[in-house]
Amino acid sequence: MLEPGIQGHAALRVTTENTARALGSGELDVLATPAVAALIEKACWKSVAGELDMGTGTVGTSLSLVHTAPTPIGMVVRCDCELTAVADRRLTFTARVYDDVSEVAHATHERYIVDNDRFTHKASAKLNAD
């Protein structure tokens, strides 16, 4: 059963592939905000994945992200997250992201528990919509 307090972690090294220049979110060779968002989502979904019923997963539905400091190529960034609220299928997390020097971002992230097959079928049905 999912209860507040579950914690998760994820990390990545800043490379040329996850910079603002490479991801199209800016011109500089520093960690891109979209890469920070993906790191937060990864930490959150992985933190609860093992607690879910077979055949279910989570999908991100909102992310309120504040990216406060740049991180250069070569550094590692780490995300620590915590499940702070559970309301039926809605999960709310807080997250903080750090490089070797300081906090570089913080966020609130919401995910929903879904039936994987049903969700995939719903998405695939859009390919046949007229």
C-alpha atoms as a PDB file:
ATOM      1  CA  MET A   1       0.000   0.000   0.000  1.00  0.00           C
ATOM      2  CA  LEU A   2       1.288   3.423  -0.916  1.00  0.00           C
ATOM      3  CA  GLU A   3       1.700   5.844   1.952  1.00  0.00           C
ATOM      4  CA  PRO A   4       3.439   9.195   2.256  1.00  0.00           C
ATOM      5  CA  GLY A   5       7.079   9.000   3.207  1.00  0.00           C
ATOM      6  CA  ILE A   6       8.354   6.749   0.412  1.00  0.00           C
ATOM      7  CA  GLN A   7      11.633   8.179  -0.869  1.00  0.00           C
ATOM      8  CA  GLY A   8      13.419   7.826  -4.169  1.00  0.00           C
ATOM      9  CA  HIS A   9      16.636   8.844  -5.845  1.00  0.00           C
ATOM     10  CA  ALA A  10      18.036   9.188  -9.345  1.00  0.00           C
ATOM     11  CA  ALA A  11      21.186  10.713 -10.804  1.00  0.00           C
ATOM     12  CA  LEU A  12      22.709  11.665 -14.123  1.00  0.00           C
ATOM     13  CA  ARG A  13      25.960  13.057 -15.449  1.00  0.00           C
ATOM     14  CA  VAL A  14      25.702  16.243 -17.483  1.00  0.00           C
ATOM     15  CA  THR A  15      26.879  15.515 -21.020  1.00  0.00           C
ATOM     16  CA  THR A  16      26.630  17.330 -24.323  1.00  0.00           C
ATOM     17  CA  GLU A  17      23.447  15.315 -25.006  1.00  0.00           C
ATOM     18  CA  ASN A  18      21.449  16.752 -22.062  1.00  0.00           C
ATOM     19  CA  THR A  19      22.464  20.401 -22.323  1.00  0.00           C
ATOM     20  CA  ALA A  20      20.129  23.268 -23.123  1.00  0.00           C
ATOM     21  CA  ARG A  21      21.817  23.628 -26.517  1.00  0.00           C
ATOM     22  CA  ALA A  22      21.270  19.941 -27.413  1.00  0.00           C
ATOM     23  CA  LEU A  23      17.661  19.761 -26.191  1.00  0.00           C
ATOM     24  CA  GLY A  24      16.624  23.027 -27.796  1.00  0.00           C
ATOM     25  CA  SER A  25      15.737  24.815 -24.575  1.00  0.00           C
ATOM     26  CA  GLY A  26      18.512  27.410 -24.848  1.00  0.00           C
ATOM     27  CA  GLU A  27      21.936  28.192 -26.287  1.00  0.00           C
ATOM     28  CA  LEU A  28      24.230  27.233 -23.430  1.00  0.00           C
ATOM     29  CA  ASP A  29      26.159  24.064 -22.671  1.00  0.00           C
ATOM     30  CA  VAL A  30      24.694  23.555 -19.195  1.00  0.00           C
ATOM     31  CA  LEU A  31      22.153  21.051 -17.880  1.00  0.00           C
ATOM     32  CA  ALA A  32      18.829  21.671 -19.616  1.00  0.00           C
ATOM     33  CA  THR A  33      15.646  22.232 -17.652  1.00  0.00           C
ATOM     34  CA  PRO A  34      13.896  19.449 -19.646  1.00  0.00           C
ATOM     35  CA  ALA A  35      16.644  17.059 -18.483  1.00  0.00           C
ATOM     36  CA  VAL A  36      16.038  18.137 -14.878  1.00  0.00           C
ATOM     37  CA  ALA A  37      12.305  17.482 -15.370  1.00  0.00           C
ATOM     38  CA  ALA A  38      13.003  13.994 -16.737  1.00  0.00           C
ATOM     39  CA  LEU A  39      15.323  13.223 -13.809  1.00  0.00           C
ATOM     40  CA  ILE A  40      12.629  14.242 -11.317  1.00  0.00           C
ATOM     41  CA  GLU A  41      10.007  12.123 -13.084  1.00  0.00           C
ATOM     42  CA  LYS A  42      12.380   9.144 -13.099  1.00  0.00           C
ATOM     43  CA  ALA A  43      13.104   9.407  -9.374  1.00  0.00           C
ATOM     44  CA  CYS A  44       9.416   9.702  -8.548  1.00  0.00           C
ATOM     45  CA  TRP A  45       8.079   6.857 -10.696  1.00  0.00           C
ATOM     46  CA  LYS A  46      10.855   4.502  -9.637  1.00  0.00           C
ATOM     47  CA  SER A  47      10.289   5.274  -5.956  1.00  0.00           C
ATOM     48  CA  VAL A  48       6.787   3.778  -6.013  1.00  0.00           C
ATOM     49  CA  ALA A  49       7.002   1.258  -8.876  1.00  0.00           C
ATOM     50  CA  GLY A  50       7.713  -1.691  -6.610  1.00  0.00           C
ATOM     51  CA  GLU A  51       4.695  -0.919  -4.434  1.00  0.00           C
ATOM     52  CA  LEU A  52       2.110  -1.010  -7.233  1.00  0.00           C
ATOM     53  CA  ASP A  53      -0.237  -3.849  -8.152  1.00  0.00           C
ATOM     54  CA  MET A  54       0.782  -6.049 -11.077  1.00  0.00           C
ATOM     55  CA  GLY A  55      -0.224  -4.469 -14.377  1.00  0.00           C
ATOM     56  CA  THR A  56      -0.340  -0.925 -13.039  1.00  0.00           C
ATOM     57  CA  GLY A  57       2.054   1.971 -13.369  1.00  0.00           C
ATOM     58  CA  THR A  58       2.137   5.709 -12.942  1.00  0.00           C
ATOM     59  CA  VAL A  59       2.027   8.573 -15.398  1.00  0.00           C
ATOM     60  CA  GLY A  60       3.112  12.130 -14.770  1.00  0.00           C
ATOM     61  CA  THR A  61       0.323  14.701 -14.942  1.00  0.00           C
ATOM     62  CA  SER A  62       1.895  17.884 -13.585  1.00  0.00           C
ATOM     63  CA  LEU A  63       5.270  19.275 -12.646  1.00  0.00           C
ATOM     64  CA  SER A  64       5.945  22.600 -10.966  1.00  0.00           C
ATOM     65  CA  LEU A  65       9.697  23.018 -11.381  1.00  0.00           C
ATOM     66  CA  VAL A  66      12.032  25.789 -10.284  1.00  0.00           C
ATOM     67  CA  HIS A  67      15.500  25.456 -11.862  1.00  0.00           C
ATOM     68  CA  THR A  68      17.662  27.837  -9.845  1.00  0.00           C
ATOM     69  CA  ALA A  69      21.310  27.235 -10.784  1.00  0.00           C
ATOM     70  CA  PRO A  70      23.374  26.041 -13.762  1.00  0.00           C
ATOM     71  CA  THR A  71      25.315  22.784 -13.806  1.00  0.00           C
ATOM     72  CA  PRO A  72      28.214  22.392 -16.274  1.00  0.00           C
ATOM     73  CA  ILE A  73      29.080  19.418 -18.449  1.00  0.00           C
ATOM     74  CA  GLY A  74      30.889  16.750 -16.442  1.00  0.00           C
ATOM     75  CA  MET A  75      29.112  17.195 -13.115  1.00  0.00           C
ATOM     76  CA  VAL A  76      26.668  14.684 -11.675  1.00  0.00           C
ATOM     77  CA  VAL A  77      23.232  15.832 -10.510  1.00  0.00           C
ATOM     78  CA  ARG A  78      21.181  13.885  -7.987  1.00  0.00           C
ATOM     79  CA  CYS A  79      17.463  14.013  -7.340  1.00  0.00           C
ATOM     80  CA  ASP A  80      15.929  13.104  -3.995  1.00  0.00           C
ATOM     81  CA  CYS A  81      12.154  12.794  -3.914  1.00  0.00           C
ATOM     82  CA  GLU A  82       9.488  11.966  -1.370  1.00  0.00           C
ATOM     83  CA  LEU A  83       5.887  10.895  -1.754  1.00  0.00           C
ATOM     84  CA  THR A  84       4.018  13.497   0.289  1.00  0.00           C
ATOM     85  CA  ALA A  85       0.354  12.696  -0.408  1.00  0.00           C
ATOM     86  CA  VAL A  86      -1.809   9.852  -1.672  1.00  0.00           C
ATOM     87  CA  ALA A  87      -5.421  10.568  -2.684  1.00  0.00           C
ATOM     88  CA  ASP A  88      -7.034   7.583  -4.394  1.00  0.00           C
ATOM     89  CA  ARG A  89      -4.950   7.216  -7.591  1.00  0.00           C
ATOM     90  CA  ARG A  90      -3.236  10.630  -7.319  1.00  0.00           C
ATOM     91  CA  LEU A  91       0.302  10.720  -5.930  1.00  0.00           C
ATOM     92  CA  THR A  92       2.050  13.960  -4.981  1.00  0.00           C
ATOM     93  CA  PHE A  93       5.822  14.229  -4.589  1.00  0.00           C
ATOM     94  CA  THR A  94       8.348  16.844  -3.604  1.00  0.00           C
ATOM     95  CA  ALA A  95      11.794  16.734  -5.171  1.00  0.00           C
ATOM     96  CA  ARG A  96      15.137  18.456  -4.788  1.00  0.00           C
ATOM     97  CA  VAL A  97      18.008  18.295  -7.266  1.00  0.00           C
ATOM     98  CA  TYR A  98      21.653  18.880  -6.299  1.00  0.00           C
ATOM     99  CA  ASP A  99      24.975  19.021  -8.094  1.00  0.00           C
ATOM    100  CA  ASP A 100      28.335  18.737  -6.327  1.00  0.00           C
ATOM    101  CA  VAL A 101      28.129  22.338  -5.142  1.00  0.00           C
ATOM    102  CA  SER A 102      24.533  23.299  -4.373  1.00  0.00           C
ATOM    103  CA  GLU A 103      20.839  22.709  -4.839  1.00  0.00           C
ATOM    104  CA  VAL A 104      19.992  23.438  -8.466  1.00  0.00           C
ATOM    105  CA  ALA A 105      16.238  22.763  -8.600  1.00  0.00           C
ATOM    106  CA  HIS A 106      13.169  21.892  -6.568  1.00  0.00           C
ATOM    107  CA  ALA A 107       9.748  20.724  -7.647  1.00  0.00           C
ATOM    108  CA  THR A 108       6.318  19.400  -6.843  1.00  0.00           C
ATOM    109  CA  HIS A 109       5.284  16.529  -9.091  1.00  0.00           C
ATOM    110  CA  GLU A 110       1.968  14.736  -9.489  1.00  0.00           C
ATOM    111  CA  ARG A 111       1.485  11.249 -10.897  1.00  0.00           C
ATOM    112  CA  TYR A 112      -1.582   9.057 -11.334  1.00  0.00           C
ATOM    113  CA  ILE A 113      -1.793   5.297 -10.976  1.00  0.00           C
ATOM    114  CA  VAL A 114      -3.090   3.726 -14.195  1.00  0.00           C
ATOM    115  CA  ASP A 115      -3.868   0.284 -15.564  1.00  0.00           C
ATOM    116  CA  ASN A 116      -1.013  -0.099 -18.068  1.00  0.00           C
ATOM    117  CA  ASP A 117      -2.954  -2.044 -20.726  1.00  0.00           C
ATOM    118  CA  ARG A 118      -5.995   0.210 -20.569  1.00  0.00           C
ATOM    119  CA  PHE A 119      -3.846   3.350 -20.733  1.00  0.00           C
ATOM    120  CA  THR A 120      -1.829   2.043 -23.692  1.00  0.00           C
ATOM    121  CA  HIS A 121      -5.026   1.007 -25.495  1.00  0.00           C
ATOM    122  CA  LYS A 122      -6.479   4.481 -24.960  1.00  0.00           C
ATOM    123  CA  ALA A 123      -3.349   6.097 -26.411  1.00  0.00           C
ATOM    124  CA  SER A 124      -3.218   3.691 -29.367  1.00  0.00           C
ATOM    125  CA  ALA A 125      -6.878   4.345 -30.186  1.00  0.00           C
ATOM    126  CA  LYS A 126      -5.899   7.869 -31.196  1.00  0.00           C
ATOM    127  CA  LEU A 127      -4.072   6.416 -34.215  1.00  0.00           C
ATOM    128  CA  ASN A 128      -7.408   5.143 -35.568  1.00  0.00           C
ATOM    129  CA  ALA A 129      -9.442   8.241 -34.745  1.00  0.00           C
ATOM    130  CA  ASP A 130     -10.945  10.003 -37.736  1.00  0.00           C
END
